[in-house]
Amino acid sequence: MAIIVQKYGGSSVADTDKIMNVARRVVRTVQEGHQVVVVVSAQGKTTDSLIRQASTISSNPPKRELDMLLATGEQMSIALLAMAIDSLGQPVISLTGAQGGIMTDTQHTKARIREVDGERICSELSKGQVVIVAGFQGISNSNDITTLGRGGSDTTAVAVAAALKAEVCEIYTDVEGVYSADPRIVPDAVKLDVVDYDEMLELASLGAMVLQPRAVEVAAVYGVPIHVRSSFSKERGTMIKEVNLVEREVSVTGVAYDENCAKITLVGIPTDIGALHKVFSSLAAEGVNVDMIVQAGTSTPRADLTFTVTREELSTALSVIGSIQGDDSWRTVCDEDVAKVSIVGAGMMTNPGVAARMFAALSEEDIPVYVVSTSEIKVSCLVPRSRYQDAVKACHGKFELDLGN
């Protein structure tokens, strides 16, 4: 029998009725002749609620203890879902991340999965049981509970699917699949039938919230097909897999945005490589993730260096920069009123003029562009946060993505 891994997000198990709906879907999958492993997130906004509770105790709680607290959300979900499946007459067992063999590094609140020991899961499957594994959590080699950060349940599901050589990893959520743009901003956005791993990785990294980027990365490395679909519908969603097309007529697949951005500019920083190394190595040491990077005026001894970070990490980044600046004469300017808008498509590699069309779309709407970054399959622009929705609509229309081509 083929193994199918199903992951259900917090909205899919938010209350008793939804838990029973998931239970019936799982049992139906078993009745169709599959072995099923289920990965579950915490119910609804449970994780946010736990974080708020922690903040009433301490403004800076120890990360190890925060992980101990946050892990309880998923443990509640797996137990409730197991009870629901059992009530339908299907043998089932729930496992914490540690019991399910999810081994991670030691970085609390942002741990990375090192390996999945599937022995316990396989043993329980061989007994005819559905196995429910807590998402978002694992255990380090020092025997401490760890959590994987936002969206970590997606990564858990894909890693488990890879370890078990599952036929597919189904990611159930509250949307029908992956769209050419956020339908809340672009009403005529279309659902995509198939998206390549590379395209999905860019879309996820650039703000499309359907999948966690690390989950897509793991899927690409191990060749795990992902089926993104709705918990509330039987309709087919979007398949994420390797697409072997020599040439693509379609240059752009989708438009993504990220309004969780802050722009930092180091004005008049020395252009020697030592200064750059000091800035970015210091930020990395504090766990600050840097995104778009542009340096201007490199032919002179000093230049302006611009990069972006998340708004949550802005204060940490500014503190780090202040600590390394010393008596140097360069100064720091930051701006939180920005957002990143990106076009993504593997067809960009063989279709010239894509960037020009994007800039034309933004120009026609008189939308300023502060920073531009590119890769083989994406172009990203930093725009005023007040105009990012206009930018998404303009790009979606310019590339005629509503036609589904």
Protein backbone atom coordinates (compact mmCIF):
# COMPACT_ATOMS: atom_id res chain seq x y z
CA MET A 1 0.00 0.00 0.00
CA ALA A 2 1.20 3.48 -0.86
CA ILE A 3 1.86 5.91 1.97
CA ILE A 4 0.18 9.30 1.82
CA VAL A 5 1.17 12.11 4.17
CA GLN A 6 -1.58 14.63 4.88
CA LYS A 7 -0.93 17.92 6.65
CA TYR A 8 -3.73 19.98 8.14
CA GLY A 9 -3.19 23.60 9.18
CA GLY A 10 -4.63 25.39 12.17
CA SER A 11 -7.73 26.64 10.33
CA SER A 12 -8.55 23.07 9.28
CA VAL A 13 -8.75 21.85 12.91
CA ALA A 14 -9.97 25.08 14.52
CA ASP A 15 -13.05 23.57 16.18
CA THR A 16 -14.82 20.26 16.83
CA ASP A 17 -16.78 20.25 13.55
CA LYS A 18 -13.63 20.87 11.52
CA ILE A 19 -11.71 18.19 13.43
CA MET A 20 -14.48 15.69 12.62
CA ASN A 21 -14.37 16.78 8.98
CA VAL A 22 -10.62 16.06 8.90
CA ALA A 23 -11.17 12.72 10.64
CA ARG A 24 -13.70 11.64 8.00
CA ARG A 25 -11.33 12.64 5.20
CA VAL A 26 -8.47 10.66 6.77
CA VAL A 27 -10.64 7.56 7.22
CA ARG A 28 -11.88 7.85 3.66
CA THR A 29 -8.27 7.90 2.44
CA VAL A 30 -7.55 4.72 4.41
CA GLN A 31 -10.64 3.07 2.92
CA GLU A 32 -9.30 3.89 -0.53
CA GLY A 33 -6.39 1.57 0.22
CA HIS A 34 -3.66 3.89 1.53
CA GLN A 35 -1.53 4.00 4.63
CA VAL A 36 -1.93 7.48 6.10
CA VAL A 37 0.35 9.67 8.19
CA VAL A 38 -1.23 12.93 9.35
CA VAL A 39 0.73 16.01 10.42
CA VAL A 40 -1.28 18.59 12.34
CA SER A 41 -0.76 22.21 13.37
CA ALA A 42 -2.09 23.85 16.53
CA GLN A 43 -5.77 24.82 16.42
CA GLY A 44 -6.66 28.22 14.97
CA LYS A 45 -4.69 31.01 16.64
CA THR A 46 -3.46 28.84 19.55
CA THR A 47 0.22 29.57 18.91
CA ASP A 48 -0.41 33.34 18.89
CA SER A 49 -2.38 33.01 22.12
CA LEU A 50 0.44 31.09 23.79
CA ILE A 51 2.96 33.73 22.70
CA ARG A 52 0.74 36.44 24.19
CA GLN A 53 0.50 34.51 27.46
CA ALA A 54 4.27 34.21 27.57
CA SER A 55 4.62 37.96 27.03
CA THR A 56 2.49 38.65 30.12
CA ILE A 57 5.09 36.80 32.17
CA SER A 58 8.26 38.07 30.50
CA SER A 59 9.13 40.45 27.69
CA ASN A 60 12.04 38.19 26.79
CA PRO A 61 11.27 34.61 27.86
CA PRO A 62 14.02 31.96 27.57
CA LYS A 63 13.69 30.40 24.13
CA ARG A 64 13.95 26.87 25.50
CA GLU A 65 10.98 27.48 27.77
CA LEU A 66 9.08 29.21 24.98
CA ASP A 67 9.48 26.06 22.89
CA MET A 68 8.19 23.96 25.80
CA LEU A 69 5.10 26.17 25.85
CA LEU A 70 4.46 26.45 22.12
CA ALA A 71 4.78 22.70 21.55
CA THR A 72 1.67 22.11 23.65
CA GLY A 73 -0.56 23.57 20.93
CA GLU A 74 0.18 20.77 18.47
CA GLN A 75 -0.05 18.13 21.19
CA MET A 76 -3.63 19.22 21.88
CA SER A 77 -4.48 18.99 18.17
CA ILE A 78 -3.05 15.51 17.64
CA ALA A 79 -4.84 14.11 20.69
CA LEU A 80 -8.22 15.59 19.70
CA LEU A 81 -7.87 14.38 16.09
CA ALA A 82 -6.87 10.90 17.29
CA MET A 83 -10.01 10.78 19.44
CA ALA A 84 -12.12 11.84 16.45
CA ILE A 85 -10.64 9.19 14.15
CA ASP A 86 -11.02 6.53 16.85
CA SER A 87 -14.70 7.45 17.20
CA LEU A 88 -15.12 6.49 13.53
CA GLY A 89 -13.75 3.01 14.23
CA GLN A 90 -10.31 3.50 12.68
CA PRO A 91 -7.24 2.41 14.72
CA VAL A 92 -5.05 5.46 15.31
CA ILE A 93 -2.16 6.69 17.41
CA SER A 94 -0.86 10.21 18.02
CA LEU A 95 2.85 10.97 18.40
CA THR A 96 4.70 14.09 19.47
CA GLY A 97 7.51 15.28 17.23
CA ALA A 98 10.02 13.51 19.47
CA GLN A 99 8.05 10.24 19.43
CA GLY A 100 7.73 10.53 15.67
CA GLY A 101 11.52 10.72 15.25
CA ILE A 102 11.76 14.39 14.20
CA MET A 103 15.39 15.18 15.04
CA THR A 104 16.46 18.82 14.90
CA ASP A 105 19.41 21.07 15.64
CA THR A 106 19.55 23.01 18.91
CA GLN A 107 18.33 26.43 17.73
CA HIS A 108 15.23 27.06 19.81
CA THR A 109 12.20 28.68 18.11
CA LYS A 110 13.89 28.37 14.69
CA ALA A 111 15.18 24.80 14.67
CA ARG A 112 15.94 22.94 11.46
CA ILE A 113 15.18 19.27 10.91
CA ARG A 114 18.37 17.20 10.69
CA GLU A 115 16.75 13.83 10.06
CA VAL A 116 13.55 11.88 10.49
CA ASP A 117 13.85 8.47 12.11
CA GLY A 118 10.77 6.77 10.66
CA GLU A 119 11.07 3.51 12.60
CA ARG A 120 8.25 4.24 15.07
CA ILE A 121 5.95 5.61 12.38
CA CYS A 122 6.53 2.57 10.13
CA SER A 123 5.96 0.22 13.06
CA GLU A 124 2.61 1.81 13.84
CA LEU A 125 1.58 1.83 10.17
CA SER A 126 2.33 -1.90 9.95
CA LYS A 127 -0.28 -2.45 12.67
CA GLY A 128 -2.95 -0.88 10.46
CA GLN A 129 -3.04 2.38 12.36
CA VAL A 130 -3.30 5.93 11.14
CA VAL A 131 -0.32 7.78 12.59
CA ILE A 132 -0.77 11.41 13.64
CA VAL A 133 2.45 13.37 14.15
CA ALA A 134 2.66 16.78 15.78
CA GLY A 135 3.92 19.36 13.32
CA PHE A 136 6.14 22.36 14.09
CA GLN A 137 8.18 20.50 16.73
CA GLY A 138 11.01 18.05 17.19
CA ILE A 139 13.73 17.09 19.60
CA SER A 140 17.41 18.03 19.65
CA ASN A 141 20.36 15.76 20.34
CA SER A 142 20.43 17.24 23.85
CA ASN A 143 16.90 15.82 24.36
CA ASP A 144 15.20 19.23 24.42
CA ILE A 145 11.91 20.01 22.68
CA THR A 146 12.42 22.45 19.79
CA THR A 147 10.05 24.27 17.45
CA LEU A 148 10.62 25.00 13.77
CA GLY A 149 9.31 28.54 13.42
CA ARG A 150 6.28 29.83 11.53
CA GLY A 151 4.95 27.36 8.98
CA GLY A 152 7.08 24.59 10.48
CA SER A 153 4.31 22.00 10.17
CA ASP A 154 4.67 22.15 6.37
CA THR A 155 8.34 21.27 6.75
CA THR A 156 7.52 18.45 9.17
CA ALA A 157 5.06 16.95 6.69
CA VAL A 158 7.41 17.07 3.71
CA ALA A 159 10.36 15.74 5.75
CA VAL A 160 8.23 12.83 6.98
CA ALA A 161 7.04 12.16 3.41
CA ALA A 162 10.64 12.11 2.21
CA ALA A 163 11.76 9.75 4.99
CA LEU A 164 8.88 7.33 4.33
CA LYS A 165 9.16 7.63 0.53
CA ALA A 166 5.49 8.61 0.45
CA GLU A 167 3.59 8.75 -2.81
CA VAL A 168 2.54 12.35 -2.18
CA CYS A 169 2.43 14.96 0.56
CA GLU A 170 -0.99 16.60 0.65
CA ILE A 171 -1.03 20.05 2.26
CA TYR A 172 -4.57 20.91 3.30
CA THR A 173 -5.34 24.55 3.95
CA ASP A 174 -8.18 27.07 3.72
CA VAL A 175 -7.55 27.91 0.04
CA GLU A 176 -8.10 25.82 -3.09
CA GLY A 177 -4.46 25.82 -4.16
CA VAL A 178 -1.73 28.16 -5.39
CA TYR A 179 -2.98 31.20 -7.32
CA SER A 180 -1.38 33.54 -9.83
CA ALA A 181 -1.74 36.26 -7.15
CA ASP A 182 -3.51 36.74 -3.84
CA PRO A 183 -7.25 36.57 -4.75
CA ARG A 184 -8.00 39.01 -1.94
CA ILE A 185 -6.08 41.66 -3.90
CA VAL A 186 -6.61 40.41 -7.45
CA PRO A 187 -10.15 38.97 -7.75
CA ASP A 188 -9.45 37.53 -11.21
CA ALA A 189 -6.37 35.58 -10.08
CA VAL A 190 -6.46 31.99 -11.33
CA LYS A 191 -5.63 28.73 -9.60
CA LEU A 192 -2.50 27.11 -11.03
CA ASP A 193 -2.72 23.39 -11.88
CA VAL A 194 1.03 22.71 -11.67
CA VAL A 195 3.93 24.75 -10.31
CA ASP A 196 7.60 23.81 -10.58
CA TYR A 197 9.63 23.42 -7.37
CA ASP A 198 11.87 26.37 -8.24
CA GLU A 199 8.93 28.64 -8.98
CA MET A 200 7.15 27.63 -5.78
CA LEU A 201 10.30 28.18 -3.74
CA GLU A 202 10.57 31.71 -5.08
CA LEU A 203 6.85 32.40 -4.57
CA ALA A 204 6.97 31.06 -1.00
CA SER A 205 10.15 32.99 -0.19
CA LEU A 206 8.71 36.18 -1.65
CA GLY A 207 5.58 36.24 0.46
CA ALA A 208 3.08 33.71 -0.95
CA MET A 209 1.84 32.24 2.34
CA VAL A 210 0.46 28.94 1.00
CA LEU A 211 3.66 27.00 1.72
CA GLN A 212 6.67 27.45 3.97
CA PRO A 213 9.86 27.93 1.88
CA ARG A 214 11.84 25.29 3.78
CA ALA A 215 9.12 22.74 3.03
CA VAL A 216 9.45 23.43 -0.70
CA GLU A 217 13.24 23.21 -0.45
CA VAL A 218 13.05 19.78 1.21
CA ALA A 219 10.50 18.61 -1.36
CA ALA A 220 12.76 19.67 -4.23
CA VAL A 221 15.84 17.96 -2.77
CA TYR A 222 14.04 14.65 -2.19
CA GLY A 223 11.60 14.79 -5.09
CA VAL A 224 8.46 14.77 -2.93
CA PRO A 225 5.34 15.77 -4.91
CA ILE A 226 3.19 18.24 -2.94
CA HIS A 227 -0.54 18.60 -3.53
CA VAL A 228 -1.86 21.88 -2.09
CA ARG A 229 -5.62 21.64 -1.65
CA SER A 230 -8.56 22.82 0.44
CA SER A 231 -9.67 21.08 3.64
CA PHE A 232 -13.24 22.06 2.82
CA SER A 233 -13.45 20.74 -0.74
CA LYS A 234 -12.81 17.54 -2.69
CA GLU A 235 -11.58 19.50 -5.70
CA ARG A 236 -8.08 19.00 -7.03
CA GLY A 237 -5.69 21.75 -5.97
CA THR A 238 -2.18 22.60 -7.21
CA MET A 239 0.60 20.06 -7.72
CA ILE A 240 4.11 21.16 -6.82
CA LYS A 241 6.65 18.99 -8.63
CA GLU A 242 9.52 19.03 -11.09
CA VAL A 243 8.32 20.28 -14.46
CA ASN A 244 10.50 19.06 -17.31
CA LEU A 245 9.87 21.59 -20.04
CA VAL A 246 12.76 22.60 -22.27
CA GLU A 247 11.20 25.92 -23.18
CA ARG A 248 8.24 27.71 -21.65
CA GLU A 249 6.03 30.05 -23.59
CA VAL A 250 4.74 31.58 -20.36
CA SER A 251 7.33 33.94 -18.89
CA VAL A 252 5.58 34.75 -15.59
CA THR A 253 3.66 32.27 -13.45
CA GLY A 254 2.61 34.46 -10.55
CA VAL A 255 2.92 37.69 -8.60
CA ALA A 256 3.87 37.65 -4.92
CA TYR A 257 4.17 40.35 -2.30
CA ASP A 258 5.64 40.77 1.16
CA GLU A 259 4.62 43.74 3.28
CA ASN A 260 6.67 42.55 6.25
CA CYS A 261 9.73 44.50 5.12
CA ALA A 262 11.99 47.21 6.47
CA LYS A 263 14.66 48.96 4.41
CA ILE A 264 18.00 49.83 5.98
CA THR A 265 20.54 52.06 4.24
CA LEU A 266 24.08 52.50 5.49
CA VAL A 267 25.02 55.88 4.02
CA GLY A 268 28.72 56.42 3.29
CA ILE A 269 29.94 53.00 4.45
CA PRO A 270 33.48 52.01 3.31
CA THR A 271 33.39 49.97 0.11
CA ASP A 272 36.14 47.54 1.09
CA ILE A 273 35.03 43.92 1.45
CA GLY A 274 36.03 43.87 5.11
CA ALA A 275 33.27 46.34 5.99
CA LEU A 276 30.66 44.28 4.14
CA HIS A 277 31.80 41.10 5.85
CA LYS A 278 31.63 42.73 9.26
CA VAL A 279 28.08 44.00 8.69
CA PHE A 280 26.56 40.81 7.35
CA SER A 281 28.48 38.36 9.54
CA SER A 282 27.40 40.32 12.62
CA LEU A 283 23.78 40.28 11.49
CA ALA A 284 23.97 36.55 10.79
CA ALA A 285 25.43 35.89 14.23
CA GLU A 286 22.26 37.39 15.73
CA GLY A 287 20.00 35.36 13.46
CA VAL A 288 18.90 38.33 11.33
CA ASN A 289 17.85 37.22 7.86
CA VAL A 290 18.87 39.75 5.19
CA ASP A 291 17.04 39.90 1.89
CA MET A 292 17.47 42.42 -0.98
CA ILE A 293 21.01 43.87 -1.05
CA VAL A 294 22.11 46.77 -3.27
CA GLN A 295 25.33 48.78 -3.08
CA ALA A 296 25.67 52.04 -5.02
CA GLY A 297 28.78 54.10 -5.83
CA THR A 298 31.34 51.31 -5.59
CA SER A 299 33.97 53.24 -7.58
CA THR A 300 34.56 55.53 -4.60
CA PRO A 301 36.00 54.75 -1.15
CA ARG A 302 32.54 55.08 0.37
CA ALA A 303 29.09 54.06 -0.88
CA ASP A 304 25.48 53.58 0.16
CA LEU A 305 24.55 50.03 1.10
CA THR A 306 20.83 49.13 1.18
CA PHE A 307 19.26 45.87 2.32
CA THR A 308 15.97 44.67 3.77
CA VAL A 309 15.01 42.71 6.87
CA THR A 310 11.66 41.76 8.39
CA ARG A 311 10.02 44.40 10.53
CA GLU A 312 10.25 42.08 13.56
CA GLU A 313 14.01 41.95 13.18
CA LEU A 314 14.52 45.65 12.48
CA SER A 315 15.34 46.63 16.06
CA THR A 316 17.83 43.76 16.38
CA ALA A 317 19.45 44.72 13.07
CA LEU A 318 19.77 48.37 14.08
CA SER A 319 21.27 47.36 17.42
CA VAL A 320 23.84 45.14 15.69
CA ILE A 321 24.75 47.89 13.22
CA GLY A 322 25.12 50.40 16.02
CA SER A 323 27.45 48.10 17.91
CA ILE A 324 29.84 47.65 14.98
CA GLN A 325 29.79 51.22 13.65
CA GLY A 326 32.10 52.64 16.31
CA ASP A 327 33.44 56.08 15.47
CA ASP A 328 33.07 55.65 11.72
CA SER A 329 31.35 58.52 9.93
CA TRP A 330 28.71 56.53 8.03
CA ARG A 331 25.12 56.81 9.20
CA THR A 332 22.06 54.56 9.21
CA VAL A 333 18.67 55.35 7.69
CA CYS A 334 15.69 53.00 7.96
CA ASP A 335 12.23 52.91 6.43
CA GLU A 336 9.41 50.55 7.49
CA ASP A 337 6.86 51.91 5.02
CA VAL A 338 7.91 49.64 2.17
CA ALA A 339 6.77 46.35 0.63
CA LYS A 340 8.26 43.93 -1.86
CA VAL A 341 6.41 42.97 -5.03
CA SER A 342 7.80 40.17 -7.20
CA ILE A 343 7.05 38.42 -10.46
CA VAL A 344 8.08 34.77 -10.71
CA GLY A 345 8.37 32.38 -13.64
CA ALA A 346 10.84 29.81 -14.90
CA GLY A 347 10.06 31.03 -18.41
CA MET A 348 11.99 34.24 -17.73
CA MET A 349 15.19 32.41 -18.61
CA THR A 350 14.15 32.07 -22.26
CA ASN A 351 11.86 35.07 -22.70
CA PRO A 352 13.63 38.48 -22.85
CA GLY A 353 12.03 41.75 -21.85
CA VAL A 354 10.23 40.54 -18.72
CA ALA A 355 11.77 43.14 -16.41
CA ALA A 356 10.95 45.87 -18.91
CA ARG A 357 7.27 44.88 -18.89
CA MET A 358 7.21 44.90 -15.08
CA PHE A 359 8.76 48.37 -14.94
CA ALA A 360 6.29 49.54 -17.60
CA ALA A 361 3.39 48.30 -15.48
CA LEU A 362 4.67 50.14 -12.41
CA SER A 363 5.45 53.28 -14.41
CA GLU A 364 1.96 53.38 -15.90
CA GLU A 365 0.56 53.45 -12.35
CA ASP A 366 3.19 55.99 -11.19
CA ILE A 367 4.49 53.61 -8.51
CA PRO A 368 8.00 54.49 -7.23
CA VAL A 369 10.63 51.73 -7.08
CA TYR A 370 13.33 51.97 -4.40
CA VAL A 371 15.32 48.76 -4.83
CA VAL A 372 15.42 46.03 -7.48
CA SER A 373 16.80 42.51 -7.19
CA THR A 374 16.68 39.65 -9.68
CA SER A 375 17.41 35.99 -10.17
CA GLU A 376 16.99 33.73 -13.19
CA ILE A 377 13.29 33.27 -12.45
CA LYS A 378 12.18 36.37 -10.52
CA VAL A 379 12.28 40.16 -10.42
CA SER A 380 11.56 41.90 -7.12
CA CYS A 381 10.91 45.59 -6.53
CA LEU A 382 10.69 47.46 -3.26
CA VAL A 383 7.79 49.92 -3.43
CA PRO A 384 5.91 52.15 -0.96
CA ARG A 385 3.79 49.99 1.33
CA SER A 386 0.78 52.17 0.57
CA ARG A 387 1.05 51.17 -3.12
CA TYR A 388 1.90 47.47 -3.04
CA GLN A 389 -1.64 46.34 -3.85
CA ASP A 390 -1.67 48.65 -6.87
CA ALA A 391 1.68 47.17 -7.90
CA VAL A 392 0.41 43.58 -7.62
CA LYS A 393 -2.67 44.38 -9.71
CA ALA A 394 -0.62 46.23 -12.32
CA CYS A 395 1.85 43.37 -12.76
CA HIS A 396 -0.88 40.73 -12.83
CA GLY A 397 -2.71 42.67 -15.55
CA LYS A 398 0.41 43.47 -17.59
CA PHE A 399 1.31 39.77 -17.90
CA GLU A 400 -2.34 38.77 -18.48
CA LEU A 401 -2.21 36.15 -15.76
CA ASP A 402 -6.00 36.18 -15.47
CA LEU A 403 -6.10 34.26 -18.77
CA GLY A 404 -4.55 31.25 -17.05
CA ASN A 405 -1.77 30.94 -19.61
